[in-house]
Amino acid sequence: MKYTVRKKSDNLQTFSYYGYIDGEYAGFVSGLAKGSHVFDIQKSYLVDKFRGTKTVRAFREIINAVQADYDVIRSRIDNKDNAEIKIVLSAGFHIIGTVSYKDEIAVELLKIKEDVDG
């Protein structure tokens, strides 16, 4: 199976990364660039057809493409969306806390590019 990712800029600070499995659209991650080092995920979507390990792998490939451009990736997910939280954790994110918006609570997750020099 071949996983590919394409990047598209909607304006100067908003970017979307589209994932494909064997050339077929599998989902996307879009967000805001916060400076040149931080990418703040605003929305993500994975096609239902690719549920299971394919979904996890597709999301991981998209995140790897984002991580190639940014040192830090931040995501906020509704605290009741356990399935999405599990997928994000499987891509190497860590839970760093919770954030409250009006009547909603979101889990805040962070992925930091590892220091390759040790």
C-alpha atoms as a PDB file:
ATOM      1  CA  MET A   1       0.000   0.000   0.000  1.00  0.00           C
ATOM      2  CA  LYS A   2       1.339   3.425  -0.901  1.00  0.00           C
ATOM      3  CA  TYR A   3       0.666   6.368   1.440  1.00  0.00           C
ATOM      4  CA  THR A   4       1.226   9.884   0.104  1.00  0.00           C
ATOM      5  CA  VAL A   5       0.616  13.395   1.428  1.00  0.00           C
ATOM      6  CA  ARG A   6       0.078  16.676  -0.429  1.00  0.00           C
ATOM      7  CA  LYS A   7       0.271  20.116   1.140  1.00  0.00           C
ATOM      8  CA  LYS A   8      -1.896  23.084   0.162  1.00  0.00           C
ATOM      9  CA  SER A   9      -1.802  26.639   1.484  1.00  0.00           C
ATOM     10  CA  ASP A  10      -5.161  28.397   1.759  1.00  0.00           C
ATOM     11  CA  ASN A  11      -3.542  31.704   2.756  1.00  0.00           C
ATOM     12  CA  LEU A  12      -0.378  32.879   4.477  1.00  0.00           C
ATOM     13  CA  GLN A  13      -0.993  31.063   7.767  1.00  0.00           C
ATOM     14  CA  THR A  14      -3.481  28.264   7.001  1.00  0.00           C
ATOM     15  CA  PHE A  15      -2.256  24.974   5.581  1.00  0.00           C
ATOM     16  CA  SER A  16      -3.943  21.674   4.764  1.00  0.00           C
ATOM     17  CA  TYR A  17      -2.238  18.320   4.396  1.00  0.00           C
ATOM     18  CA  TYR A  18      -4.173  15.742   2.340  1.00  0.00           C
ATOM     19  CA  GLY A  19      -3.473  12.019   2.728  1.00  0.00           C
ATOM     20  CA  TYR A  20      -3.905   9.375   0.031  1.00  0.00           C
ATOM     21  CA  ILE A  21      -3.765   5.580   0.124  1.00  0.00           C
ATOM     22  CA  ASP A  22      -2.870   4.065  -3.252  1.00  0.00           C
ATOM     23  CA  GLY A  23      -3.891   7.369  -4.859  1.00  0.00           C
ATOM     24  CA  GLU A  24      -7.314   7.440  -3.178  1.00  0.00           C
ATOM     25  CA  TYR A  25      -8.187  10.332  -0.854  1.00  0.00           C
ATOM     26  CA  ALA A  26      -8.026   9.160   2.784  1.00  0.00           C
ATOM     27  CA  GLY A  27      -8.363  12.364   4.820  1.00  0.00           C
ATOM     28  CA  PHE A  28      -6.782  15.644   5.818  1.00  0.00           C
ATOM     29  CA  VAL A  29      -5.376  17.764   8.610  1.00  0.00           C
ATOM     30  CA  SER A  30      -5.640  21.551   8.436  1.00  0.00           C
ATOM     31  CA  GLY A  31      -4.451  24.211  10.796  1.00  0.00           C
ATOM     32  CA  LEU A  32      -2.689  27.464  11.462  1.00  0.00           C
ATOM     33  CA  ALA A  33       1.018  28.152  11.407  1.00  0.00           C
ATOM     34  CA  LYS A  34       1.973  29.916  14.631  1.00  0.00           C
ATOM     35  CA  GLY A  35       5.271  31.390  13.562  1.00  0.00           C
ATOM     36  CA  SER A  36       7.690  29.146  11.737  1.00  0.00           C
ATOM     37  CA  HIS A  37       7.877  26.387  14.365  1.00  0.00           C
ATOM     38  CA  VAL A  38       4.339  25.630  15.625  1.00  0.00           C
ATOM     39  CA  PHE A  39       1.385  24.107  13.732  1.00  0.00           C
ATOM     40  CA  ASP A  40      -1.979  24.296  15.508  1.00  0.00           C
ATOM     41  CA  ILE A  41      -4.397  21.664  14.147  1.00  0.00           C
ATOM     42  CA  GLN A  42      -7.839  23.188  13.665  1.00  0.00           C
ATOM     43  CA  LYS A  43      -9.587  20.317  11.900  1.00  0.00           C
ATOM     44  CA  SER A  44      -8.934  16.753  10.819  1.00  0.00           C
ATOM     45  CA  TYR A  45     -10.963  14.186   8.946  1.00  0.00           C
ATOM     46  CA  LEU A  46     -10.387  10.572   7.970  1.00  0.00           C
ATOM     47  CA  VAL A  47     -12.557   8.749   5.436  1.00  0.00           C
ATOM     48  CA  ASP A  48     -14.713   6.034   7.048  1.00  0.00           C
ATOM     49  CA  LYS A  49     -13.719   3.534   4.351  1.00  0.00           C
ATOM     50  CA  PHE A  50     -10.211   3.387   5.784  1.00  0.00           C
ATOM     51  CA  ARG A  51     -11.152   2.693   9.403  1.00  0.00           C
ATOM     52  CA  GLY A  52      -8.781   0.617  11.487  1.00  0.00           C
ATOM     53  CA  THR A  53      -5.064   0.310  10.932  1.00  0.00           C
ATOM     54  CA  LYS A  54      -5.213   2.070   7.557  1.00  0.00           C
ATOM     55  CA  THR A  55      -6.710   5.148   9.234  1.00  0.00           C
ATOM     56  CA  VAL A  56      -4.032   5.192  11.906  1.00  0.00           C
ATOM     57  CA  ARG A  57      -1.280   4.817   9.307  1.00  0.00           C
ATOM     58  CA  ALA A  58      -2.783   7.500   7.039  1.00  0.00           C
ATOM     59  CA  PHE A  59      -3.031   9.948   9.955  1.00  0.00           C
ATOM     60  CA  ARG A  60       0.529   9.141  11.025  1.00  0.00           C
ATOM     61  CA  GLU A  61       1.817   9.799   7.488  1.00  0.00           C
ATOM     62  CA  ILE A  62       0.011  13.150   7.391  1.00  0.00           C
ATOM     63  CA  ILE A  63       1.463  14.088  10.789  1.00  0.00           C
ATOM     64  CA  ASN A  64       4.953  13.067   9.617  1.00  0.00           C
ATOM     65  CA  ALA A  65       4.573  15.500   6.699  1.00  0.00           C
ATOM     66  CA  VAL A  66       3.461  18.268   9.077  1.00  0.00           C
ATOM     67  CA  GLN A  67       6.355  17.446  11.425  1.00  0.00           C
ATOM     68  CA  ALA A  68       8.795  17.851   8.530  1.00  0.00           C
ATOM     69  CA  ASP A  69       7.660  21.498   8.323  1.00  0.00           C
ATOM     70  CA  TYR A  70       7.110  22.325  12.019  1.00  0.00           C
ATOM     71  CA  ASP A  71       8.909  21.439  15.257  1.00  0.00           C
ATOM     72  CA  VAL A  72       5.743  21.480  17.382  1.00  0.00           C
ATOM     73  CA  ILE A  73       2.216  20.269  16.516  1.00  0.00           C
ATOM     74  CA  ARG A  74      -0.698  21.026  18.841  1.00  0.00           C
ATOM     75  CA  SER A  75      -4.168  19.473  18.712  1.00  0.00           C
ATOM     76  CA  ARG A  76      -7.297  19.980  20.789  1.00  0.00           C
ATOM     77  CA  ILE A  77      -9.971  17.267  20.765  1.00  0.00           C
ATOM     78  CA  ASP A  78     -13.345  17.053  22.494  1.00  0.00           C
ATOM     79  CA  ASN A  79     -12.741  15.116  25.697  1.00  0.00           C
ATOM     80  CA  LYS A  80     -15.556  12.678  24.797  1.00  0.00           C
ATOM     81  CA  ASP A  81     -14.059  11.709  21.416  1.00  0.00           C
ATOM     82  CA  ASN A  82     -12.026   8.737  22.627  1.00  0.00           C
ATOM     83  CA  ALA A  83     -11.530   7.269  19.143  1.00  0.00           C
ATOM     84  CA  GLU A  84      -9.871  10.437  17.821  1.00  0.00           C
ATOM     85  CA  ILE A  85      -7.789  10.850  20.973  1.00  0.00           C
ATOM     86  CA  LYS A  86      -6.472   7.269  20.531  1.00  0.00           C
ATOM     87  CA  ILE A  87      -5.537   7.921  16.891  1.00  0.00           C
ATOM     88  CA  VAL A  88      -3.682  11.118  17.799  1.00  0.00           C
ATOM     89  CA  LEU A  89      -1.872   9.409  20.691  1.00  0.00           C
ATOM     90  CA  SER A  90      -0.814   6.598  18.323  1.00  0.00           C
ATOM     91  CA  ALA A  91       0.865   9.225  16.119  1.00  0.00           C
ATOM     92  CA  GLY A  92       3.212  10.171  18.966  1.00  0.00           C
ATOM     93  CA  PHE A  93       1.303  12.997  20.646  1.00  0.00           C
ATOM     94  CA  HIS A  94       1.225  13.421  24.423  1.00  0.00           C
ATOM     95  CA  ILE A  95      -1.636  14.784  26.508  1.00  0.00           C
ATOM     96  CA  ILE A  96      -0.508  18.019  28.145  1.00  0.00           C
ATOM     97  CA  GLY A  97      -3.787  19.126  29.729  1.00  0.00           C
ATOM     98  CA  THR A  98      -7.344  20.243  29.109  1.00  0.00           C
ATOM     99  CA  VAL A  99      -8.834  23.476  27.811  1.00  0.00           C
ATOM    100  CA  SER A 100     -12.332  24.762  28.516  1.00  0.00           C
ATOM    101  CA  TYR A 101     -14.332  26.585  25.807  1.00  0.00           C
ATOM    102  CA  LYS A 102     -17.733  27.830  26.950  1.00  0.00           C
ATOM    103  CA  ASP A 103     -19.501  24.554  27.874  1.00  0.00           C
ATOM    104  CA  GLU A 104     -17.010  22.219  26.195  1.00  0.00           C
ATOM    105  CA  ILE A 105     -13.819  20.635  27.442  1.00  0.00           C
ATOM    106  CA  ALA A 106     -11.024  19.697  25.048  1.00  0.00           C
ATOM    107  CA  VAL A 107      -7.999  17.510  25.624  1.00  0.00           C
ATOM    108  CA  GLU A 108      -4.851  19.312  24.510  1.00  0.00           C
ATOM    109  CA  LEU A 109      -2.168  17.173  22.880  1.00  0.00           C
ATOM    110  CA  LEU A 110       1.335  18.061  21.742  1.00  0.00           C
ATOM    111  CA  LYS A 111       3.921  16.438  19.481  1.00  0.00           C
ATOM    112  CA  ILE A 112       7.450  17.793  19.511  1.00  0.00           C
ATOM    113  CA  LYS A 113      10.047  16.868  16.908  1.00  0.00           C
ATOM    114  CA  GLU A 114      12.669  14.692  18.559  1.00  0.00           C
ATOM    115  CA  ASP A 115      16.196  15.955  18.797  1.00  0.00           C
ATOM    116  CA  VAL A 116      17.952  13.762  16.218  1.00  0.00           C
ATOM    117  CA  ASP A 117      21.389  14.636  17.606  1.00  0.00           C
ATOM    118  CA  GLY A 118      20.588  13.003  20.924  1.00  0.00           C
END
